[in-house]
């Protein structure tokens, strides 16, 4: 049986598995990034150079965590669309997104030609 985008069960299983793995990986990475961002006051005797380096690392961690949270939101949205049968339908044109595009970017909301 196919969904609204013409994806069969095997294709949906592959894509759902990839999305779920990406979600798990992102959740772990966000936790690591948040712990790096919180490490600021662990050692009060940090020299100025070390403090500057630590601040840069914390800023990077916050920026990466924000990017990862945005990606996680996209993945959650795609998983929700799988459960409602609307996964693989372009939000721009309403046409099916090709399987190969979804394999490359499983959270895609449109075909690459539409973006």
PDB file of N, CA and C in Angstrom:
ATOM      1  N   UNK A   1       0.840  -1.179   0.000  1.00  0.00           N
ATOM      2  CA  UNK A   1       0.000   0.000   0.000  1.00  0.00           C
ATOM      3  C   UNK A   1       0.888   1.247   0.000  1.00  0.00           C
ATOM      4  N   UNK A   2       0.503   2.256  -0.736  1.00  0.00           N
ATOM      5  CA  UNK A   2       1.279   3.488  -0.841  1.00  0.00           C
ATOM      6  C   UNK A   2       0.633   4.602  -0.033  1.00  0.00           C
ATOM      7  N   UNK A   3       1.473   5.579   0.351  1.00  0.00           N
ATOM      8  CA  UNK A   3       0.917   6.755   1.023  1.00  0.00           C
ATOM      9  C   UNK A   3       0.522   7.777  -0.031  1.00  0.00           C
ATOM     10  N   UNK A   4       0.123   8.969   0.397  1.00  0.00           N
ATOM     11  CA  UNK A   4      -0.358   9.998  -0.533  1.00  0.00           C
ATOM     12  C   UNK A   4       0.712  10.434  -1.532  1.00  0.00           C
ATOM     13  N   UNK A   5       1.991  10.267  -1.188  1.00  0.00           N
ATOM     14  CA  UNK A   5       3.084  10.663  -2.078  1.00  0.00           C
ATOM     15  C   UNK A   5       3.508   9.525  -3.003  1.00  0.00           C
ATOM     16  N   UNK A   6       2.871   8.369  -2.876  1.00  0.00           N
ATOM     17  CA  UNK A   6       3.231   7.234  -3.712  1.00  0.00           C
ATOM     18  C   UNK A   6       4.381   6.414  -3.159  1.00  0.00           C
ATOM     19  N   UNK A   7       4.758   6.646  -1.906  1.00  0.00           N
ATOM     20  CA  UNK A   7       5.828   5.866  -1.279  1.00  0.00           C
ATOM     21  C   UNK A   7       5.250   4.545  -0.776  1.00  0.00           C
ATOM     22  N   UNK A   8       5.949   3.441  -1.065  1.00  0.00           N
ATOM     23  CA  UNK A   8       5.454   2.144  -0.592  1.00  0.00           C
ATOM     24  C   UNK A   8       5.944   1.879   0.834  1.00  0.00           C
ATOM     25  N   UNK A   9       5.472   0.795   1.440  1.00  0.00           N
ATOM     26  CA  UNK A   9       5.794   0.473   2.837  1.00  0.00           C
ATOM     27  C   UNK A   9       7.297   0.315   3.055  1.00  0.00           C
ATOM     28  N   UNK A  10       7.991  -0.332   2.109  1.00  0.00           N
ATOM     29  CA  UNK A  10       9.436  -0.515   2.252  1.00  0.00           C
ATOM     30  C   UNK A  10      10.155   0.838   2.267  1.00  0.00           C
ATOM     31  N   UNK A  11       9.769   1.728   1.368  1.00  0.00           N
ATOM     32  CA  UNK A  11      10.377   3.054   1.328  1.00  0.00           C
ATOM     33  C   UNK A  11      10.094   3.827   2.611  1.00  0.00           C
ATOM     34  N   UNK A  12       8.853   3.777   3.078  1.00  0.00           N
ATOM     35  CA  UNK A  12       8.496   4.465   4.324  1.00  0.00           C
ATOM     36  C   UNK A  12       9.254   3.892   5.516  1.00  0.00           C
ATOM     37  N   UNK A  13       9.440   2.589   5.537  1.00  0.00           N
ATOM     38  CA  UNK A  13      10.194   1.956   6.625  1.00  0.00           C
ATOM     39  C   UNK A  13      11.635   2.443   6.625  1.00  0.00           C
ATOM     40  N   UNK A  14      12.244   2.506   5.456  1.00  0.00           N
ATOM     41  CA  UNK A  14      13.621   3.005   5.330  1.00  0.00           C
ATOM     42  C   UNK A  14      13.707   4.451   5.815  1.00  0.00           C
ATOM     43  N   UNK A  15      12.805   5.287   5.340  1.00  0.00           N
ATOM     44  CA  UNK A  15      12.842   6.708   5.676  1.00  0.00           C
ATOM     45  C   UNK A  15      12.512   6.951   7.145  1.00  0.00           C
ATOM     46  N   UNK A  16      11.536   6.226   7.679  1.00  0.00           N
ATOM     47  CA  UNK A  16      11.189   6.365   9.093  1.00  0.00           C
ATOM     48  C   UNK A  16      12.378   5.958   9.962  1.00  0.00           C
ATOM     49  N   UNK A  17      13.022   4.868   9.612  1.00  0.00           N
ATOM     50  CA  UNK A  17      14.199   4.414  10.362  1.00  0.00           C
ATOM     51  C   UNK A  17      15.321   5.434  10.341  1.00  0.00           C
ATOM     52  N   UNK A  18      15.547   6.034   9.189  1.00  0.00           N
ATOM     53  CA  UNK A  18      16.592   7.065   9.075  1.00  0.00           C
ATOM     54  C   UNK A  18      16.238   8.279   9.919  1.00  0.00           C
ATOM     55  N   UNK A  19      14.988   8.715   9.860  1.00  0.00           N
ATOM     56  CA  UNK A  19      14.551   9.860  10.667  1.00  0.00           C
ATOM     57  C   UNK A  19      14.673   9.564  12.160  1.00  0.00           C
ATOM     58  N   UNK A  20      14.280   8.373  12.573  1.00  0.00           N
ATOM     59  CA  UNK A  20      14.363   8.018  13.987  1.00  0.00           C
ATOM     60  C   UNK A  20      15.814   7.964  14.458  1.00  0.00           C
ATOM     61  N   UNK A  21      16.714   7.459  13.606  1.00  0.00           N
ATOM     62  CA  UNK A  21      18.136   7.419  13.964  1.00  0.00           C
ATOM     63  C   UNK A  21      18.704   8.835  14.053  1.00  0.00           C
ATOM     64  N   UNK A  22      18.357   9.676  13.098  1.00  0.00           N
ATOM     65  CA  UNK A  22      18.811  11.071  13.133  1.00  0.00           C
ATOM     66  C   UNK A  22      18.294  11.776  14.380  1.00  0.00           C
ATOM     67  N   UNK A  23      17.045  11.523  14.734  1.00  0.00           N
ATOM     68  CA  UNK A  23      16.456  12.128  15.928  1.00  0.00           C
ATOM     69  C   UNK A  23      17.240  11.715  17.178  1.00  0.00           C
ATOM     70  N   UNK A  24      17.532  10.435  17.304  1.00  0.00           N
ATOM     71  CA  UNK A  24      18.284   9.944  18.466  1.00  0.00           C
ATOM     72  C   UNK A  24      19.680  10.568  18.511  1.00  0.00           C
ATOM     73  N   UNK A  25      20.350  10.622  17.361  1.00  0.00           N
ATOM     74  CA  UNK A  25      21.687  11.217  17.291  1.00  0.00           C
ATOM     75  C   UNK A  25      21.658  12.691  17.683  1.00  0.00           C
ATOM     76  N   UNK A  26      20.676  13.425  17.176  1.00  0.00           N
ATOM     77  CA  UNK A  26      20.563  14.846  17.496  1.00  0.00           C
ATOM     78  C   UNK A  26      20.266  15.065  18.973  1.00  0.00           C
ATOM     79  N   UNK A  27      19.414  14.267  19.539  1.00  0.00           N
ATOM     80  CA  UNK A  27      19.105  14.407  20.970  1.00  0.00           C
ATOM     81  C   UNK A  27      20.362  14.219  21.815  1.00  0.00           C
ATOM     82  N   UNK A  28      21.174  13.208  21.473  1.00  0.00           N
ATOM     83  CA  UNK A  28      22.433  12.983  22.208  1.00  0.00           C
ATOM     84  C   UNK A  28      23.384  14.161  22.032  1.00  0.00           C
ATOM     85  N   UNK A  29      23.497  14.642  20.809  1.00  0.00           N
ATOM     86  CA  UNK A  29      24.404  15.748  20.534  1.00  0.00           C
ATOM     87  C   UNK A  29      23.953  17.022  21.243  1.00  0.00           C
ATOM     88  N   UNK A  30      22.667  17.292  21.260  1.00  0.00           N
ATOM     89  CA  UNK A  30      22.148  18.473  21.958  1.00  0.00           C
ATOM     90  C   UNK A  30      22.474  18.380  23.446  1.00  0.00           C
ATOM     91  N   UNK A  31      22.334  17.217  24.035  1.00  0.00           N
ATOM     92  CA  UNK A  31      22.674  17.050  25.452  1.00  0.00           C
ATOM     93  C   UNK A  31      24.152  17.356  25.694  1.00  0.00           C
ATOM     94  N   UNK A  32      25.030  16.856  24.825  1.00  0.00           N
ATOM     95  CA  UNK A  32      26.467  17.139  24.968  1.00  0.00           C
ATOM     96  C   UNK A  32      26.749  18.627  24.833  1.00  0.00           C
ATOM     97  N   UNK A  33      26.125  19.261  23.833  1.00  0.00           N
ATOM     98  CA  UNK A  33      26.352  20.683  23.601  1.00  0.00           C
ATOM     99  C   UNK A  33      25.854  21.515  24.774  1.00  0.00           C
ATOM    100  N   UNK A  34      24.737  21.133  25.349  1.00  0.00           N
ATOM    101  CA  UNK A  34      24.210  21.869  26.497  1.00  0.00           C
ATOM    102  C   UNK A  34      25.125  21.718  27.707  1.00  0.00           C
ATOM    103  N   UNK A  35      25.725  20.544  27.883  1.00  0.00           N
ATOM    104  CA  UNK A  35      26.624  20.371  29.025  1.00  0.00           C
ATOM    105  C   UNK A  35      27.903  21.184  28.832  1.00  0.00           C
ATOM    106  N   UNK A  36      28.393  21.318  27.608  1.00  0.00           N
ATOM    107  CA  UNK A  36      29.556  22.170  27.340  1.00  0.00           C
ATOM    108  C   UNK A  36      29.206  23.620  27.640  1.00  0.00           C
ATOM    109  N   UNK A  37      28.025  24.050  27.265  1.00  0.00           N
ATOM    110  CA  UNK A  37      27.611  25.432  27.481  1.00  0.00           C
ATOM    111  C   UNK A  37      27.474  25.740  28.973  1.00  0.00           C
ATOM    112  N   UNK A  38      27.201  24.724  29.803  1.00  0.00           N
ATOM    113  CA  UNK A  38      27.011  24.939  31.238  1.00  0.00           C
ATOM    114  C   UNK A  38      28.300  24.873  32.044  1.00  0.00           C
ATOM    115  N   UNK A  39      29.397  24.480  31.435  1.00  0.00           N
ATOM    116  CA  UNK A  39      30.641  24.261  32.170  1.00  0.00           C
ATOM    117  C   UNK A  39      31.356  25.547  32.580  1.00  0.00           C
ATOM    118  N   UNK A  40      30.816  26.694  32.360  1.00  0.00           N
ATOM    119  CA  UNK A  40      31.530  27.962  32.496  1.00  0.00           C
ATOM    120  C   UNK A  40      32.146  28.226  33.858  1.00  0.00           C
ATOM    121  N   UNK A  41      31.445  27.980  34.931  1.00  0.00           N
ATOM    122  CA  UNK A  41      31.941  28.372  36.243  1.00  0.00           C
ATOM    123  C   UNK A  41      32.510  27.203  37.045  1.00  0.00           C
ATOM    124  N   UNK A  42      32.873  26.138  36.386  1.00  0.00           N
ATOM    125  CA  UNK A  42      33.363  24.960  37.091  1.00  0.00           C
ATOM    126  C   UNK A  42      34.688  25.217  37.793  1.00  0.00           C
ATOM    127  N   UNK A  43      35.543  26.034  37.213  1.00  0.00           N
ATOM    128  CA  UNK A  43      36.858  26.294  37.800  1.00  0.00           C
ATOM    129  C   UNK A  43      37.066  27.798  37.887  1.00  0.00           C
ATOM    130  N   UNK A  44      37.071  28.340  39.084  1.00  0.00           N
ATOM    131  CA  UNK A  44      37.194  29.777  39.282  1.00  0.00           C
ATOM    132  C   UNK A  44      38.618  30.282  39.002  1.00  0.00           C
ATOM    133  N   UNK A  45      39.614  29.435  38.975  1.00  0.00           N
ATOM    134  CA  UNK A  45      41.000  29.861  38.803  1.00  0.00           C
ATOM    135  C   UNK A  45      41.459  29.754  37.348  1.00  0.00           C
ATOM    136  N   UNK A  46      40.561  29.962  36.405  1.00  0.00           N
ATOM    137  CA  UNK A  46      40.893  29.867  34.986  1.00  0.00           C
ATOM    138  C   UNK A  46      41.671  31.116  34.567  1.00  0.00           C
ATOM    139  N   UNK A  47      42.759  30.906  33.858  1.00  0.00           N
ATOM    140  CA  UNK A  47      43.510  32.046  33.344  1.00  0.00           C
ATOM    141  C   UNK A  47      42.722  32.723  32.233  1.00  0.00           C
ATOM    142  N   UNK A  48      43.077  33.982  31.925  1.00  0.00           N
ATOM    143  CA  UNK A  48      42.341  34.758  30.926  1.00  0.00           C
ATOM    144  C   UNK A  48      42.272  34.065  29.573  1.00  0.00           C
ATOM    145  N   UNK A  49      43.378  33.532  29.090  1.00  0.00           N
ATOM    146  CA  UNK A  49      43.392  32.864  27.778  1.00  0.00           C
ATOM    147  C   UNK A  49      42.489  31.646  27.802  1.00  0.00           C
ATOM    148  N   UNK A  50      42.584  30.878  28.874  1.00  0.00           N
ATOM    149  CA  UNK A  50      41.722  29.706  28.996  1.00  0.00           C
ATOM    150  C   UNK A  50      40.257  30.119  29.065  1.00  0.00           C
ATOM    151  N   UNK A  51      39.985  31.208  29.766  1.00  0.00           N
ATOM    152  CA  UNK A  51      38.608  31.690  29.879  1.00  0.00           C
ATOM    153  C   UNK A  51      38.064  32.114  28.525  1.00  0.00           C
ATOM    154  N   UNK A  52      38.895  32.795  27.729  1.00  0.00           N
ATOM    155  CA  UNK A  52      38.462  33.217  26.392  1.00  0.00           C
ATOM    156  C   UNK A  52      38.172  32.003  25.513  1.00  0.00           C
ATOM    157  N   UNK A  53      39.032  31.004  25.584  1.00  0.00           N
ATOM    158  CA  UNK A  53      38.834  29.775  24.800  1.00  0.00           C
ATOM    159  C   UNK A  53      37.565  29.064  25.246  1.00  0.00           C
ATOM    160  N   UNK A  54      37.362  29.008  26.550  1.00  0.00           N
ATOM    161  CA  UNK A  54      36.167  28.340  27.070  1.00  0.00           C
ATOM    162  C   UNK A  54      34.900  29.087  26.640  1.00  0.00           C
ATOM    163  N   UNK A  55      34.949  30.411  26.657  1.00  0.00           N
ATOM    164  CA  UNK A  55      33.801  31.210  26.223  1.00  0.00           C
ATOM    165  C   UNK A  55      33.494  30.951  24.754  1.00  0.00           C
ATOM    166  N   UNK A  56      34.538  30.891  23.917  1.00  0.00           N
ATOM    167  CA  UNK A  56      34.336  30.600  22.498  1.00  0.00           C
ATOM    168  C   UNK A  56      33.707  29.222  22.320  1.00  0.00           C
ATOM    169  N   UNK A  57      34.198  28.240  23.049  1.00  0.00           N
ATOM    170  CA  UNK A  57      33.644  26.885  22.961  1.00  0.00           C
ATOM    171  C   UNK A  57      32.185  26.858  23.397  1.00  0.00           C
ATOM    172  N   UNK A  58      31.869  27.614  24.440  1.00  0.00           N
ATOM    173  CA  UNK A  58      30.486  27.670  24.912  1.00  0.00           C
ATOM    174  C   UNK A  58      29.590  28.343  23.880  1.00  0.00           C
ATOM    175  N   UNK A  59      30.084  29.435  23.278  1.00  0.00           N
ATOM    176  CA  UNK A  59      29.301  30.112  22.236  1.00  0.00           C
ATOM    177  C   UNK A  59      29.048  29.188  21.061  1.00  0.00           C
ATOM    178  N   UNK A  60      30.087  28.444  20.656  1.00  0.00           N
ATOM    179  CA  UNK A  60      29.931  27.480  19.567  1.00  0.00           C
ATOM    180  C   UNK A  60      28.912  26.412  19.937  1.00  0.00           C
ATOM    181  N   UNK A  61      29.002  25.919  21.156  1.00  0.00           N
ATOM    182  CA  UNK A  61      28.080  24.868  21.598  1.00  0.00           C
ATOM    183  C   UNK A  61      26.636  25.357  21.564  1.00  0.00           C
ATOM    184  N   UNK A  62      26.420  26.598  22.005  1.00  0.00           N
ATOM    185  CA  UNK A  62      25.063  27.157  21.977  1.00  0.00           C
ATOM    186  C   UNK A  62      24.570  27.285  20.542  1.00  0.00           C
ATOM    187  N   UNK A  63      25.424  27.782  19.648  1.00  0.00           N
ATOM    188  CA  UNK A  63      25.044  27.937  18.245  1.00  0.00           C
ATOM    189  C   UNK A  63      24.733  26.574  17.611  1.00  0.00           C
ATOM    190  N   UNK A  64      25.591  25.586  17.855  1.00  0.00           N
ATOM    191  CA  UNK A  64      25.358  24.245  17.306  1.00  0.00           C
ATOM    192  C   UNK A  64      24.082  23.637  17.888  1.00  0.00           C
ATOM    193  N   UNK A  65      23.856  23.835  19.181  1.00  0.00           N
ATOM    194  CA  UNK A  65      22.653  23.287  19.812  1.00  0.00           C
ATOM    195  C   UNK A  65      21.401  23.908  19.202  1.00  0.00           C
ATOM    196  N   UNK A  66      21.443  25.208  18.936  1.00  0.00           N
ATOM    197  CA  UNK A  66      20.290  25.870  18.307  1.00  0.00           C
ATOM    198  C   UNK A  66      20.039  25.303  16.915  1.00  0.00           C
ATOM    199  N   UNK A  67      21.094  25.109  16.135  1.00  0.00           N
ATOM    200  CA  UNK A  67      20.955  24.511  14.796  1.00  0.00           C
ATOM    201  C   UNK A  67      20.385  23.100  14.904  1.00  0.00           C
ATOM    202  N   UNK A  68      20.930  22.334  15.844  1.00  0.00           N
ATOM    203  CA  UNK A  68      20.464  20.959  16.014  1.00  0.00           C
ATOM    204  C   UNK A  68      19.009  20.906  16.468  1.00  0.00           C
ATOM    205  N   UNK A  69      18.589  21.831  17.323  1.00  0.00           N
ATOM    206  CA  UNK A  69      17.181  21.867  17.748  1.00  0.00           C
ATOM    207  C   UNK A  69      16.267  22.187  16.565  1.00  0.00           C
ATOM    208  N   UNK A  70      16.706  23.097  15.697  1.00  0.00           N
ATOM    209  CA  UNK A  70      15.913  23.397  14.488  1.00  0.00           C
ATOM    210  C   UNK A  70      15.791  22.152  13.614  1.00  0.00           C
ATOM    211  N   UNK A  71      16.893  21.428  13.425  1.00  0.00           N
ATOM    212  CA  UNK A  71      16.868  20.202  12.622  1.00  0.00           C
ATOM    213  C   UNK A  71      15.993  19.156  13.287  1.00  0.00           C
ATOM    214  N   UNK A  72      16.080  19.044  14.605  1.00  0.00           N
ATOM    215  CA  UNK A  72      15.250  18.096  15.342  1.00  0.00           C
ATOM    216  C   UNK A  72      13.771  18.414  15.141  1.00  0.00           C
ATOM    217  N   UNK A  73      13.418  19.692  15.144  1.00  0.00           N
ATOM    218  CA  UNK A  73      12.026  20.091  14.879  1.00  0.00           C
ATOM    219  C   UNK A  73      11.587  19.633  13.493  1.00  0.00           C
ATOM    220  N   UNK A  74      12.461  19.776  12.496  1.00  0.00           N
ATOM    221  CA  UNK A  74      12.141  19.338  11.131  1.00  0.00           C
ATOM    222  C   UNK A  74      11.934  17.823  11.087  1.00  0.00           C
ATOM    223  N   UNK A  75      12.772  17.094  11.798  1.00  0.00           N
ATOM    224  CA  UNK A  75      12.667  15.632  11.829  1.00  0.00           C
ATOM    225  C   UNK A  75      11.377  15.205  12.532  1.00  0.00           C
ATOM    226  N   UNK A  76      11.061  15.858  13.630  1.00  0.00           N
ATOM    227  CA  UNK A  76       9.804  15.555  14.335  1.00  0.00           C
ATOM    228  C   UNK A  76       8.607  15.828  13.427  1.00  0.00           C
ATOM    229  N   UNK A  77       8.679  16.915  12.675  1.00  0.00           N
ATOM    230  CA  UNK A  77       7.603  17.262  11.744  1.00  0.00           C
ATOM    231  C   UNK A  77       7.450  16.167  10.677  1.00  0.00           C
ATOM    232  N   UNK A  78       8.580  15.701  10.145  1.00  0.00           N
ATOM    233  CA  UNK A  78       8.534  14.648   9.123  1.00  0.00           C
ATOM    234  C   UNK A  78       7.947  13.359   9.697  1.00  0.00           C
ATOM    235  N   UNK A  79       8.345  12.996  10.904  1.00  0.00           N
ATOM    236  CA  UNK A  79       7.799  11.785  11.530  1.00  0.00           C
ATOM    237  C   UNK A  79       6.294  11.918  11.769  1.00  0.00           C
ATOM    238  N   UNK A  80       5.857  13.098  12.149  1.00  0.00           N
ATOM    239  CA  UNK A  80       4.422  13.338  12.334  1.00  0.00           C
ATOM    240  C   UNK A  80       3.682  13.176  11.001  1.00  0.00           C
ATOM    241  N   UNK A  81       4.292  13.679   9.930  1.00  0.00           N
ATOM    242  CA  UNK A  81       3.658  13.572   8.611  1.00  0.00           C
ATOM    243  C   UNK A  81       3.575  12.111   8.159  1.00  0.00           C
ATOM    244  N   UNK A  82       4.564  11.298   8.533  1.00  0.00           N
ATOM    245  CA  UNK A  82       4.486   9.864   8.214  1.00  0.00           C
ATOM    246  C   UNK A  82       3.257   9.274   8.889  1.00  0.00           C
ATOM    247  N   UNK A  83       3.052   9.620  10.154  1.00  0.00           N
ATOM    248  CA  UNK A  83       1.923   9.031  10.894  1.00  0.00           C
ATOM    249  C   UNK A  83       0.577   9.490  10.362  1.00  0.00           C
ATOM    250  N   UNK A  84       0.528  10.657   9.711  1.00  0.00           N
ATOM    251  CA  UNK A  84      -0.747  11.146   9.164  1.00  0.00           C
ATOM    252  C   UNK A  84      -0.922  10.807   7.683  1.00  0.00           C
ATOM    253  N   UNK A  85       0.119  10.195   7.076  1.00  0.00           N
ATOM    254  CA  UNK A  85       0.020   9.826   5.671  1.00  0.00           C
ATOM    255  C   UNK A  85       0.329  10.956   4.700  1.00  0.00           C
ATOM    256  N   UNK A  86       0.837  12.091   5.190  1.00  0.00           N
ATOM    257  CA  UNK A  86       1.128  13.244   4.324  1.00  0.00           C
ATOM    258  C   UNK A  86       2.614  13.409   4.043  1.00  0.00           C
ATOM    259  N   UNK A  87       3.421  12.462   4.515  1.00  0.00           N
ATOM    260  CA  UNK A  87       4.866  12.537   4.307  1.00  0.00           C
ATOM    261  C   UNK A  87       5.192  12.384   2.827  1.00  0.00           C
ATOM    262  N   UNK A  88       6.136  13.203   2.361  1.00  0.00           N
ATOM    263  CA  UNK A  88       6.582  13.096   0.978  1.00  0.00           C
ATOM    264  C   UNK A  88       5.811  13.973   0.015  1.00  0.00           C
ATOM    265  N   UNK A  89       4.901  14.785   0.525  1.00  0.00           N
ATOM    266  CA  UNK A  89       4.135  15.718  -0.303  1.00  0.00           C
ATOM    267  C   UNK A  89       4.769  17.102  -0.151  1.00  0.00           C
ATOM    268  N   UNK A  90       5.098  17.735  -1.252  1.00  0.00           N
ATOM    269  CA  UNK A  90       5.710  19.061  -1.227  1.00  0.00           C
ATOM    270  C   UNK A  90       4.772  20.080  -0.608  1.00  0.00           C
ATOM    271  N   UNK A  91       5.308  20.876   0.327  1.00  0.00           N
ATOM    272  CA  UNK A  91       4.529  21.950   0.925  1.00  0.00           C
ATOM    273  C   UNK A  91       4.459  23.164  -0.006  1.00  0.00           C
ATOM    274  N   UNK A  92       5.238  23.151  -1.086  1.00  0.00           N
ATOM    275  CA  UNK A  92       5.230  24.243  -2.055  1.00  0.00           C
ATOM    276  C   UNK A  92       4.223  23.967  -3.168  1.00  0.00           C
ATOM    277  N   UNK A  93       4.361  22.788  -3.791  1.00  0.00           N
ATOM    278  CA  UNK A  93       3.538  22.486  -4.963  1.00  0.00           C
ATOM    279  C   UNK A  93       2.395  21.509  -4.700  1.00  0.00           C
ATOM    280  N   UNK A  94       2.480  20.755  -3.606  1.00  0.00           N
ATOM    281  CA  UNK A  94       1.486  19.721  -3.348  1.00  0.00           C
ATOM    282  C   UNK A  94       1.761  18.432  -4.113  1.00  0.00           C
ATOM    283  N   UNK A  95       2.857  18.415  -4.855  1.00  0.00           N
ATOM    284  CA  UNK A  95       3.251  17.225  -5.629  1.00  0.00           C
ATOM    285  C   UNK A  95       4.141  16.318  -4.782  1.00  0.00           C
ATOM    286  N   UNK A  96       4.225  15.039  -5.146  1.00  0.00           N
ATOM    287  CA  UNK A  96       5.109  14.124  -4.415  1.00  0.00           C
ATOM    288  C   UNK A  96       6.582  14.544  -4.530  1.00  0.00           C
ATOM    289  N   UNK A  97       7.303  14.375  -3.440  1.00  0.00           N
ATOM    290  CA  UNK A  97       8.752  14.579  -3.437  1.00  0.00           C
ATOM    291  C   UNK A  97       9.372  13.232  -3.809  1.00  0.00           C
ATOM    292  N   UNK A  98      10.299  13.217  -4.762  1.00  0.00           N
ATOM    293  CA  UNK A  98      10.893  11.936  -5.176  1.00  0.00           C
ATOM    294  C   UNK A  98      11.593  11.202  -4.018  1.00  0.00           C
ATOM    295  N   UNK A  99      11.509   9.876  -4.043  1.00  0.00           N
ATOM    296  CA  UNK A  99      12.130   9.043  -3.016  1.00  0.00           C
ATOM    297  C   UNK A  99      13.615   9.359  -2.869  1.00  0.00           C
ATOM    298  N   UNK A 100      14.322   9.534  -3.974  1.00  0.00           N
ATOM    299  CA  UNK A 100      15.764   9.810  -3.911  1.00  0.00           C
ATOM    300  C   UNK A 100      16.041  11.102  -3.160  1.00  0.00           C
ATOM    301  N   UNK A 101      15.213  12.110  -3.327  1.00  0.00           N
ATOM    302  CA  UNK A 101      15.360  13.372  -2.581  1.00  0.00           C
ATOM    303  C   UNK A 101      15.133  13.113  -1.089  1.00  0.00           C
ATOM    304  N   UNK A 102      14.114  12.330  -0.757  1.00  0.00           N
ATOM    305  CA  UNK A 102      13.828  12.025   0.639  1.00  0.00           C
ATOM    306  C   UNK A 102      14.912  11.151   1.256  1.00  0.00           C
ATOM    307  N   UNK A 103      15.516  10.289   0.471  1.00  0.00           N
ATOM    308  CA  UNK A 103      16.640   9.498   0.988  1.00  0.00           C
ATOM    309  C   UNK A 103      17.804  10.391   1.347  1.00  0.00           C
ATOM    310  N   UNK A 104      18.035  11.419   0.539  1.00  0.00           N
ATOM    311  CA  UNK A 104      19.141  12.349   0.789  1.00  0.00           C
ATOM    312  C   UNK A 104      18.817  13.308   1.933  1.00  0.00           C
ATOM    313  N   UNK A 105      17.583  13.796   1.961  1.00  0.00           N
ATOM    314  CA  UNK A 105      17.139  14.775   2.976  1.00  0.00           C
ATOM    315  C   UNK A 105      15.758  14.332   3.460  1.00  0.00           C
ATOM    316  N   UNK A 106      15.710  13.383   4.395  1.00  0.00           N
ATOM    317  CA  UNK A 106      14.413  12.813   4.782  1.00  0.00           C
ATOM    318  C   UNK A 106      13.449  13.795   5.440  1.00  0.00           C
ATOM    319  N   UNK A 107      13.908  14.941   5.853  1.00  0.00           N
ATOM    320  CA  UNK A 107      13.018  15.955   6.446  1.00  0.00           C
ATOM    321  C   UNK A 107      12.588  16.998   5.417  1.00  0.00           C
ATOM    322  N   UNK A 108      12.909  16.764   4.134  1.00  0.00           N
ATOM    323  CA  UNK A 108      12.600  17.731   3.072  1.00  0.00           C
ATOM    324  C   UNK A 108      11.118  18.059   3.044  1.00  0.00           C
ATOM    325  N   UNK A 109      10.831  19.336   2.858  1.00  0.00           N
ATOM    326  CA  UNK A 109       9.436  19.795   2.742  1.00  0.00           C
ATOM    327  C   UNK A 109       9.048  20.036   1.304  1.00  0.00           C
ATOM    328  N   UNK A 110      10.045  20.043   0.389  1.00  0.00           N
ATOM    329  CA  UNK A 110       9.781  20.289  -1.022  1.00  0.00           C
ATOM    330  C   UNK A 110      10.863  19.609  -1.846  1.00  0.00           C
ATOM    331  N   UNK A 111      10.601  19.453  -3.125  1.00  0.00           N
ATOM    332  CA  UNK A 111      11.597  18.951  -4.051  1.00  0.00           C
ATOM    333  C   UNK A 111      12.690  20.004  -4.178  1.00  0.00           C
ATOM    334  N   UNK A 112      13.905  19.614  -4.414  1.00  0.00           N
ATOM    335  CA  UNK A 112      15.020  20.572  -4.499  1.00  0.00           C
ATOM    336  C   UNK A 112      14.815  21.601  -5.602  1.00  0.00           C
ATOM    337  N   UNK A 113      14.076  21.268  -6.637  1.00  0.00           N
ATOM    338  CA  UNK A 113      13.800  22.218  -7.725  1.00  0.00           C
ATOM    339  C   UNK A 113      12.851  23.326  -7.291  1.00  0.00           C
ATOM    340  N   UNK A 114      12.103  23.118  -6.215  1.00  0.00           N
ATOM    341  CA  UNK A 114      11.103  24.088  -5.758  1.00  0.00           C
ATOM    342  C   UNK A 114      11.649  25.077  -4.730  1.00  0.00           C
ATOM    343  N   UNK A 115      12.793  24.740  -4.162  1.00  0.00           N
ATOM    344  CA  UNK A 115      13.328  25.565  -3.060  1.00  0.00           C
ATOM    345  C   UNK A 115      14.019  26.803  -3.564  1.00  0.00           C
TER     346      UNK A 115
END
